[in-house]
Amino acid sequence: MGKVFVDVLVQYTDKGGKVPLEIQWGDGQVSSIDRVIDVRKNATLKADGKGLRYTCRVEGKQMYLYSEGDLWYVENTQ
């Protein structure tokens, strides 16, 4: 398992926070983020990363989206 880097459309808040709005996958497909459920500092043990973990609802399914600085990724589940 590892990291799958993705492009993310982000809205920045007036307090310096980041709110992800859409994920663009490597094949060009775009998925809307319906809702950000939780944000916390968290390391992903499976993909050896550190940063923020966003628990999101994407097209009706819950998933984790990770942010490390300016990079975004999800865990490879295959």
N, C-alpha and C. Protein backbone atom coordinates (compact mmCIF):
# COMPACT_ATOMS: atom_id res chain seq x y z
N MET A 1 0.84 -1.18 0.00
CA MET A 1 0.00 0.00 0.00
C MET A 1 0.88 1.24 0.00
N GLY A 2 0.37 2.31 -0.59
CA GLY A 2 1.12 3.54 -0.67
C GLY A 2 0.20 4.71 -0.91
N LYS A 3 0.82 5.79 -1.34
CA LYS A 3 0.07 7.02 -1.58
C LYS A 3 -0.32 7.12 -3.05
N VAL A 4 -1.54 7.58 -3.28
CA VAL A 4 -2.01 7.92 -4.62
C VAL A 4 -2.22 9.43 -4.60
N PHE A 5 -1.33 10.16 -5.26
CA PHE A 5 -1.42 11.62 -5.26
C PHE A 5 -2.54 12.07 -6.18
N VAL A 6 -3.26 13.07 -5.74
CA VAL A 6 -4.40 13.60 -6.48
C VAL A 6 -4.32 15.13 -6.47
N ASP A 7 -4.98 15.75 -7.44
CA ASP A 7 -5.15 17.19 -7.44
C ASP A 7 -6.44 17.51 -6.70
N VAL A 8 -6.41 18.58 -5.91
CA VAL A 8 -7.58 18.95 -5.11
C VAL A 8 -7.88 20.43 -5.30
N LEU A 9 -9.15 20.73 -5.59
CA LEU A 9 -9.61 22.11 -5.61
C LEU A 9 -9.89 22.50 -4.17
N VAL A 10 -9.22 23.57 -3.70
CA VAL A 10 -9.27 23.94 -2.29
C VAL A 10 -9.78 25.36 -2.13
N GLN A 11 -10.60 25.56 -1.11
CA GLN A 11 -11.02 26.90 -0.69
C GLN A 11 -10.26 27.22 0.59
N TYR A 12 -9.63 28.39 0.62
CA TYR A 12 -8.90 28.82 1.81
C TYR A 12 -9.80 29.72 2.65
N THR A 13 -9.76 29.51 3.97
CA THR A 13 -10.59 30.32 4.87
C THR A 13 -9.81 31.55 5.31
N ASP A 14 -10.52 32.51 5.90
CA ASP A 14 -9.87 33.73 6.38
C ASP A 14 -8.96 33.46 7.58
N LYS A 15 -9.05 32.29 8.17
CA LYS A 15 -8.20 31.92 9.30
C LYS A 15 -7.03 31.03 8.87
N GLY A 16 -6.85 30.86 7.56
CA GLY A 16 -5.74 30.08 7.04
C GLY A 16 -6.01 28.60 6.87
N GLY A 17 -7.23 28.17 7.10
CA GLY A 17 -7.58 26.76 6.93
C GLY A 17 -7.81 26.42 5.46
N LYS A 18 -7.81 25.13 5.17
CA LYS A 18 -8.06 24.64 3.81
C LYS A 18 -9.30 23.76 3.83
N VAL A 19 -10.19 23.98 2.87
CA VAL A 19 -11.39 23.17 2.73
C VAL A 19 -11.37 22.54 1.34
N PRO A 20 -11.17 21.23 1.24
CA PRO A 20 -11.17 20.59 -0.08
C PRO A 20 -12.59 20.53 -0.65
N LEU A 21 -12.71 20.85 -1.95
CA LEU A 21 -14.01 20.89 -2.61
C LEU A 21 -14.18 19.79 -3.66
N GLU A 22 -13.11 19.48 -4.38
CA GLU A 22 -13.15 18.47 -5.44
C GLU A 22 -11.82 17.74 -5.50
N ILE A 23 -11.89 16.48 -5.91
CA ILE A 23 -10.69 15.67 -6.15
C ILE A 23 -10.63 15.36 -7.63
N GLN A 24 -9.44 15.60 -8.23
CA GLN A 24 -9.23 15.18 -9.61
C GLN A 24 -8.26 14.00 -9.58
N TRP A 25 -8.74 12.87 -10.08
CA TRP A 25 -7.97 11.63 -10.08
C TRP A 25 -7.00 11.61 -11.25
N GLY A 26 -6.07 10.69 -11.23
CA GLY A 26 -5.04 10.59 -12.27
C GLY A 26 -5.58 10.40 -13.67
N ASP A 27 -6.76 9.80 -13.79
CA ASP A 27 -7.36 9.57 -15.11
C ASP A 27 -8.18 10.76 -15.59
N GLY A 28 -8.18 11.86 -14.79
CA GLY A 28 -8.92 13.06 -15.18
C GLY A 28 -10.32 13.15 -14.60
N GLN A 29 -10.81 12.07 -14.04
CA GLN A 29 -12.15 12.08 -13.45
C GLN A 29 -12.16 13.02 -12.25
N VAL A 30 -13.26 13.75 -12.08
CA VAL A 30 -13.41 14.69 -10.96
C VAL A 30 -14.54 14.21 -10.05
N SER A 31 -14.26 14.17 -8.75
CA SER A 31 -15.26 13.79 -7.75
C SER A 31 -15.50 14.97 -6.83
N SER A 32 -16.77 15.31 -6.64
CA SER A 32 -17.13 16.39 -5.72
C SER A 32 -17.09 15.88 -4.29
N ILE A 33 -16.57 16.71 -3.41
CA ILE A 33 -16.59 16.40 -1.98
C ILE A 33 -17.88 16.98 -1.43
N ASP A 34 -18.78 16.10 -1.01
CA ASP A 34 -20.08 16.53 -0.52
C ASP A 34 -19.97 17.24 0.82
N ARG A 35 -19.05 16.73 1.65
CA ARG A 35 -18.96 17.27 3.01
C ARG A 35 -17.64 16.86 3.64
N VAL A 36 -17.02 17.78 4.38
CA VAL A 36 -15.86 17.43 5.21
C VAL A 36 -16.42 17.15 6.60
N ILE A 37 -16.23 15.93 7.06
CA ILE A 37 -16.80 15.49 8.33
C ILE A 37 -15.87 15.81 9.50
N ASP A 38 -14.56 15.65 9.27
CA ASP A 38 -13.59 15.83 10.36
C ASP A 38 -12.23 16.16 9.76
N VAL A 39 -11.45 16.95 10.50
CA VAL A 39 -10.07 17.25 10.13
C VAL A 39 -9.23 17.08 11.38
N ARG A 40 -8.13 16.32 11.26
CA ARG A 40 -7.26 16.14 12.43
C ARG A 40 -5.83 15.87 11.98
N LYS A 41 -4.90 16.24 12.85
CA LYS A 41 -3.51 15.88 12.61
C LYS A 41 -3.42 14.38 12.79
N ASN A 42 -2.86 13.73 11.79
CA ASN A 42 -2.84 12.28 11.85
C ASN A 42 -1.82 11.74 10.86
N ALA A 43 -1.14 10.73 11.26
CA ALA A 43 -0.24 10.03 10.36
C ALA A 43 -0.96 8.84 9.77
N THR A 44 -0.73 8.57 8.52
CA THR A 44 -1.27 7.37 7.91
C THR A 44 -0.20 6.30 8.00
N LEU A 45 -0.47 5.28 8.75
CA LEU A 45 0.51 4.21 8.95
C LEU A 45 0.68 3.37 7.69
N LYS A 46 -0.39 3.19 6.94
CA LYS A 46 -0.32 2.36 5.75
C LYS A 46 0.52 3.00 4.65
N ALA A 47 0.46 4.34 4.54
CA ALA A 47 1.15 5.01 3.43
C ALA A 47 2.36 5.81 3.91
N ASP A 48 2.74 5.67 5.18
CA ASP A 48 3.91 6.33 5.73
C ASP A 48 3.89 7.84 5.47
N GLY A 49 2.85 8.50 5.95
CA GLY A 49 2.75 9.93 5.76
C GLY A 49 2.36 10.65 7.03
N LYS A 50 2.58 11.95 7.03
CA LYS A 50 2.21 12.79 8.16
C LYS A 50 1.55 14.03 7.62
N GLY A 51 0.66 14.60 8.39
CA GLY A 51 -0.02 15.82 7.97
C GLY A 51 -1.41 15.85 8.52
N LEU A 52 -2.35 16.34 7.71
CA LEU A 52 -3.74 16.41 8.12
C LEU A 52 -4.54 15.33 7.42
N ARG A 53 -5.44 14.72 8.16
CA ARG A 53 -6.35 13.74 7.58
C ARG A 53 -7.74 14.35 7.56
N TYR A 54 -8.32 14.41 6.38
CA TYR A 54 -9.68 14.91 6.19
C TYR A 54 -10.59 13.71 6.01
N THR A 55 -11.58 13.57 6.87
CA THR A 55 -12.61 12.56 6.66
C THR A 55 -13.69 13.23 5.83
N CYS A 56 -13.92 12.72 4.63
CA CYS A 56 -14.82 13.37 3.68
C CYS A 56 -15.91 12.41 3.22
N ARG A 57 -17.02 12.99 2.81
CA ARG A 57 -18.05 12.23 2.11
C ARG A 57 -17.92 12.64 0.65
N VAL A 58 -17.57 11.65 -0.18
CA VAL A 58 -17.35 11.88 -1.61
C VAL A 58 -18.34 11.03 -2.38
N GLU A 59 -19.25 11.69 -3.06
CA GLU A 59 -20.28 10.99 -3.84
C GLU A 59 -20.96 9.91 -3.02
N GLY A 60 -21.30 10.26 -1.78
CA GLY A 60 -22.06 9.38 -0.92
C GLY A 60 -21.25 8.37 -0.13
N LYS A 61 -19.93 8.32 -0.33
CA LYS A 61 -19.09 7.35 0.38
C LYS A 61 -18.06 8.09 1.25
N GLN A 62 -17.79 7.55 2.42
CA GLN A 62 -16.81 8.14 3.31
C GLN A 62 -15.41 7.70 2.91
N MET A 63 -14.47 8.65 2.91
CA MET A 63 -13.08 8.34 2.59
C MET A 63 -12.16 9.29 3.32
N TYR A 64 -10.88 8.92 3.38
CA TYR A 64 -9.87 9.77 3.98
C TYR A 64 -9.04 10.41 2.88
N LEU A 65 -8.83 11.71 3.03
CA LEU A 65 -8.00 12.50 2.12
C LEU A 65 -6.92 13.14 2.97
N TYR A 66 -5.66 13.00 2.55
CA TYR A 66 -4.54 13.49 3.35
C TYR A 66 -3.89 14.68 2.69
N SER A 67 -3.42 15.61 3.51
CA SER A 67 -2.72 16.80 3.05
C SER A 67 -1.37 16.87 3.76
N GLU A 68 -0.31 16.97 2.96
CA GLU A 68 1.04 17.19 3.48
C GLU A 68 1.58 18.42 2.78
N GLY A 69 1.51 19.57 3.43
CA GLY A 69 1.92 20.81 2.77
C GLY A 69 1.00 21.10 1.60
N ASP A 70 1.58 21.18 0.40
CA ASP A 70 0.78 21.45 -0.81
C ASP A 70 0.38 20.18 -1.55
N LEU A 71 0.76 19.02 -1.04
CA LEU A 71 0.44 17.75 -1.70
C LEU A 71 -0.78 17.10 -1.05
N TRP A 72 -1.58 16.46 -1.90
CA TRP A 72 -2.78 15.74 -1.44
C TRP A 72 -2.70 14.31 -1.94
N TYR A 73 -3.17 13.37 -1.12
CA TYR A 73 -3.20 11.97 -1.55
C TYR A 73 -4.26 11.19 -0.79
N VAL A 74 -4.56 10.03 -1.34
CA VAL A 74 -5.39 9.04 -0.66
C VAL A 74 -4.54 7.78 -0.54
N GLU A 75 -4.94 6.86 0.33
CA GLU A 75 -4.21 5.60 0.46
C GLU A 75 -4.60 4.67 -0.68
N ASN A 76 -3.61 4.00 -1.24
CA ASN A 76 -3.86 3.01 -2.26
C ASN A 76 -4.42 1.76 -1.57
N THR A 77 -5.60 1.36 -1.95
CA THR A 77 -6.24 0.22 -1.31
C THR A 77 -6.03 -1.07 -2.07
N GLN A 78 -5.26 -1.05 -3.13
CA GLN A 78 -5.04 -2.26 -3.93
C GLN A 78 -3.71 -2.89 -3.61
